Amino acid sequence: MGPQPTLVYQPGNPRSLAGCGEIDVYTAPDLKNSLRLAVQGDPPGAAVTVDLSAVSFIDARGLMTLMEAEAYASVRGILLLSHEEITELKEREKAEEAAKAAADSQPG
């Protein structure tokens, strides 16, 4: 297991968080709780930003946690501004799955 993830509030903006470290099956529950706390109590129409540029690794469980957090916020009328990162991660995961499927289908 690598570095633990950290999710911190950005100075001067209580609705802006930054993550760093690794997001995986072991650390995703803490991330989930932090993201839920970030959107709880915000009024509909509020926006919470999450900067994941310093995250060094994310696995499928971490990706699912981010997608669940986006849905949790959306149901409450809150915009979780990590959509571009989530979209990029989903595309990367699909590309990796396609590459793995292609490699697995090669006669060996």
C-alpha atoms as a PDB file:
ATOM      1  CA  MET A   1       0.000   0.000   0.000  1.00  0.00           C
ATOM      2  CA  GLY A   2       1.403   3.405  -0.998  1.00  0.00           C
ATOM      3  CA  PRO A   3       0.924   6.917   0.302  1.00  0.00           C
ATOM      4  CA  GLN A   4      -2.354   7.635   2.046  1.00  0.00           C
ATOM      5  CA  PRO A   5      -4.657  10.083   0.282  1.00  0.00           C
ATOM      6  CA  THR A   6      -5.137  13.508   1.667  1.00  0.00           C
ATOM      7  CA  LEU A   7      -8.114  15.722   0.954  1.00  0.00           C
ATOM      8  CA  VAL A   8      -7.732  19.245   2.257  1.00  0.00           C
ATOM      9  CA  TYR A   9      -9.766  22.418   2.004  1.00  0.00           C
ATOM     10  CA  GLN A  10      -8.118  25.140  -0.040  1.00  0.00           C
ATOM     11  CA  PRO A  11      -7.252  28.274   1.937  1.00  0.00           C
ATOM     12  CA  GLY A  12      -9.916  30.939   1.656  1.00  0.00           C
ATOM     13  CA  ASN A  13     -12.482  28.708  -0.032  1.00  0.00           C
ATOM     14  CA  PRO A  14     -14.384  26.220   2.138  1.00  0.00           C
ATOM     15  CA  ARG A  15     -15.934  24.626  -0.954  1.00  0.00           C
ATOM     16  CA  SER A  16     -12.650  23.862  -2.689  1.00  0.00           C
ATOM     17  CA  LEU A  17     -10.743  20.694  -1.877  1.00  0.00           C
ATOM     18  CA  ALA A  18      -7.484  19.245  -3.136  1.00  0.00           C
ATOM     19  CA  GLY A  19      -6.478  15.608  -3.067  1.00  0.00           C
ATOM     20  CA  CYS A  20      -3.063  14.011  -3.143  1.00  0.00           C
ATOM     21  CA  GLY A  21      -1.594  10.559  -2.711  1.00  0.00           C
ATOM     22  CA  GLU A  22      -3.302   7.355  -3.786  1.00  0.00           C
ATOM     23  CA  ILE A  23      -6.992   6.542  -4.038  1.00  0.00           C
ATOM     24  CA  ASP A  24      -7.595   2.815  -3.940  1.00  0.00           C
ATOM     25  CA  VAL A  25      -9.746   0.161  -2.316  1.00  0.00           C
ATOM     26  CA  TYR A  26      -8.122   0.884   1.057  1.00  0.00           C
ATOM     27  CA  THR A  27      -8.389   4.668   1.018  1.00  0.00           C
ATOM     28  CA  ALA A  28     -11.624   5.214  -0.952  1.00  0.00           C
ATOM     29  CA  PRO A  29     -13.892   5.006   2.146  1.00  0.00           C
ATOM     30  CA  ASP A  30     -12.096   7.969   3.746  1.00  0.00           C
ATOM     31  CA  LEU A  31     -12.353   9.915   0.500  1.00  0.00           C
ATOM     32  CA  LYS A  32     -16.064   9.101   0.284  1.00  0.00           C
ATOM     33  CA  ASN A  33     -16.672  10.435   3.792  1.00  0.00           C
ATOM     34  CA  SER A  34     -14.661  13.595   3.126  1.00  0.00           C
ATOM     35  CA  LEU A  35     -16.540  14.338  -0.095  1.00  0.00           C
ATOM     36  CA  ARG A  36     -19.927  13.747   1.533  1.00  0.00           C
ATOM     37  CA  LEU A  37     -19.027  16.101   4.362  1.00  0.00           C
ATOM     38  CA  ALA A  38     -17.942  18.693   1.810  1.00  0.00           C
ATOM     39  CA  VAL A  39     -21.386  18.794   0.167  1.00  0.00           C
ATOM     40  CA  GLN A  40     -23.629  18.208   3.191  1.00  0.00           C
ATOM     41  CA  GLY A  41     -25.380  21.333   4.296  1.00  0.00           C
ATOM     42  CA  ASP A  42     -24.638  23.272   1.121  1.00  0.00           C
ATOM     43  CA  PRO A  43     -27.695  24.813  -0.526  1.00  0.00           C
ATOM     44  CA  PRO A  44     -28.837  23.697  -3.975  1.00  0.00           C
ATOM     45  CA  GLY A  45     -26.893  25.559  -6.621  1.00  0.00           C
ATOM     46  CA  ALA A  46     -23.660  25.531  -4.619  1.00  0.00           C
ATOM     47  CA  ALA A  47     -20.473  24.236  -6.208  1.00  0.00           C
ATOM     48  CA  VAL A  48     -17.732  22.171  -4.603  1.00  0.00           C
ATOM     49  CA  THR A  49     -14.463  21.849  -6.498  1.00  0.00           C
ATOM     50  CA  VAL A  50     -12.051  18.965  -6.140  1.00  0.00           C
ATOM     51  CA  ASP A  51      -8.535  19.229  -7.561  1.00  0.00           C
ATOM     52  CA  LEU A  52      -7.077  15.775  -8.185  1.00  0.00           C
ATOM     53  CA  SER A  53      -3.940  16.891 -10.008  1.00  0.00           C
ATOM     54  CA  ALA A  54      -1.691  15.723  -7.144  1.00  0.00           C
ATOM     55  CA  VAL A  55      -3.281  12.262  -6.913  1.00  0.00           C
ATOM     56  CA  SER A  56      -0.540   9.818  -7.893  1.00  0.00           C
ATOM     57  CA  PHE A  57      -2.694   6.699  -8.375  1.00  0.00           C
ATOM     58  CA  ILE A  58      -6.354   5.803  -8.590  1.00  0.00           C
ATOM     59  CA  ASP A  59      -7.886   2.353  -9.028  1.00  0.00           C
ATOM     60  CA  ALA A  60     -11.381   1.295 -10.055  1.00  0.00           C
ATOM     61  CA  ARG A  61     -12.722   1.631  -6.487  1.00  0.00           C
ATOM     62  CA  GLY A  62     -11.368   5.167  -6.291  1.00  0.00           C
ATOM     63  CA  LEU A  63     -12.977   6.014  -9.616  1.00  0.00           C
ATOM     64  CA  MET A  64     -16.294   4.585  -8.423  1.00  0.00           C
ATOM     65  CA  THR A  65     -16.034   6.657  -5.234  1.00  0.00           C
ATOM     66  CA  LEU A  66     -15.629   9.836  -7.286  1.00  0.00           C
ATOM     67  CA  MET A  67     -18.587   8.948  -9.492  1.00  0.00           C
ATOM     68  CA  GLU A  68     -20.718   8.187  -6.407  1.00  0.00           C
ATOM     69  CA  ALA A  69     -19.705  11.511  -4.862  1.00  0.00           C
ATOM     70  CA  GLU A  70     -20.714  13.325  -8.034  1.00  0.00           C
ATOM     71  CA  ALA A  71     -24.119  11.595  -7.961  1.00  0.00           C
ATOM     72  CA  TYR A  72     -24.537  12.300  -4.221  1.00  0.00           C
ATOM     73  CA  ALA A  73     -23.900  15.991  -4.836  1.00  0.00           C
ATOM     74  CA  SER A  74     -26.054  16.115  -7.965  1.00  0.00           C
ATOM     75  CA  VAL A  75     -29.116  14.668  -6.213  1.00  0.00           C
ATOM     76  CA  ARG A  76     -28.793  17.502  -3.698  1.00  0.00           C
ATOM     77  CA  GLY A  77     -28.533  20.114  -6.450  1.00  0.00           C
ATOM     78  CA  ILE A  78     -24.835  20.696  -5.772  1.00  0.00           C
ATOM     79  CA  LEU A  79     -22.278  20.756  -8.537  1.00  0.00           C
ATOM     80  CA  LEU A  80     -19.142  18.712  -7.855  1.00  0.00           C
ATOM     81  CA  LEU A  81     -16.620  20.267 -10.203  1.00  0.00           C
ATOM     82  CA  SER A  82     -14.485  17.249 -10.876  1.00  0.00           C
ATOM     83  CA  HIS A  83     -16.422  16.167 -13.927  1.00  0.00           C
ATOM     84  CA  GLU A  84     -13.502  16.660 -16.324  1.00  0.00           C
ATOM     85  CA  GLU A  85     -11.187  14.580 -14.159  1.00  0.00           C
ATOM     86  CA  ILE A  86     -13.809  11.840 -13.759  1.00  0.00           C
ATOM     87  CA  THR A  87     -14.479  11.808 -17.496  1.00  0.00           C
ATOM     88  CA  GLU A  88     -10.756  11.575 -18.210  1.00  0.00           C
ATOM     89  CA  LEU A  89     -10.347   8.749 -15.696  1.00  0.00           C
ATOM     90  CA  LYS A  90     -13.325   6.844 -17.148  1.00  0.00           C
ATOM     91  CA  GLU A  91     -11.855   7.178 -20.645  1.00  0.00           C
ATOM     92  CA  ARG A  92      -8.447   6.021 -19.403  1.00  0.00           C
ATOM     93  CA  GLU A  93     -10.013   3.037 -17.616  1.00  0.00           C
ATOM     94  CA  LYS A  94     -11.950   2.086 -20.774  1.00  0.00           C
ATOM     95  CA  ALA A  95      -8.763   2.349 -22.849  1.00  0.00           C
ATOM     96  CA  GLU A  96      -6.868   0.177 -20.354  1.00  0.00           C
ATOM     97  CA  GLU A  97      -9.683  -2.398 -20.345  1.00  0.00           C
ATOM     98  CA  ALA A  98      -9.737  -2.429 -24.148  1.00  0.00           C
ATOM     99  CA  ALA A  99      -5.956  -2.867 -24.284  1.00  0.00           C
ATOM    100  CA  LYS A 100      -6.144  -5.702 -21.743  1.00  0.00           C
ATOM    101  CA  ALA A 101      -8.980  -7.381 -23.665  1.00  0.00           C
ATOM    102  CA  ALA A 102      -6.988  -7.091 -26.897  1.00  0.00           C
ATOM    103  CA  ALA A 103      -3.905  -8.542 -25.220  1.00  0.00           C
ATOM    104  CA  ASP A 104      -5.956 -11.382 -23.688  1.00  0.00           C
ATOM    105  CA  SER A 105      -7.448 -12.266 -27.076  1.00  0.00           C
ATOM    106  CA  GLN A 106      -4.038 -12.643 -28.711  1.00  0.00           C
ATOM    107  CA  PRO A 107      -3.010 -16.264 -29.281  1.00  0.00           C
ATOM    108  CA  GLY A 108      -0.250 -17.047 -26.922  1.00  0.00           C
END
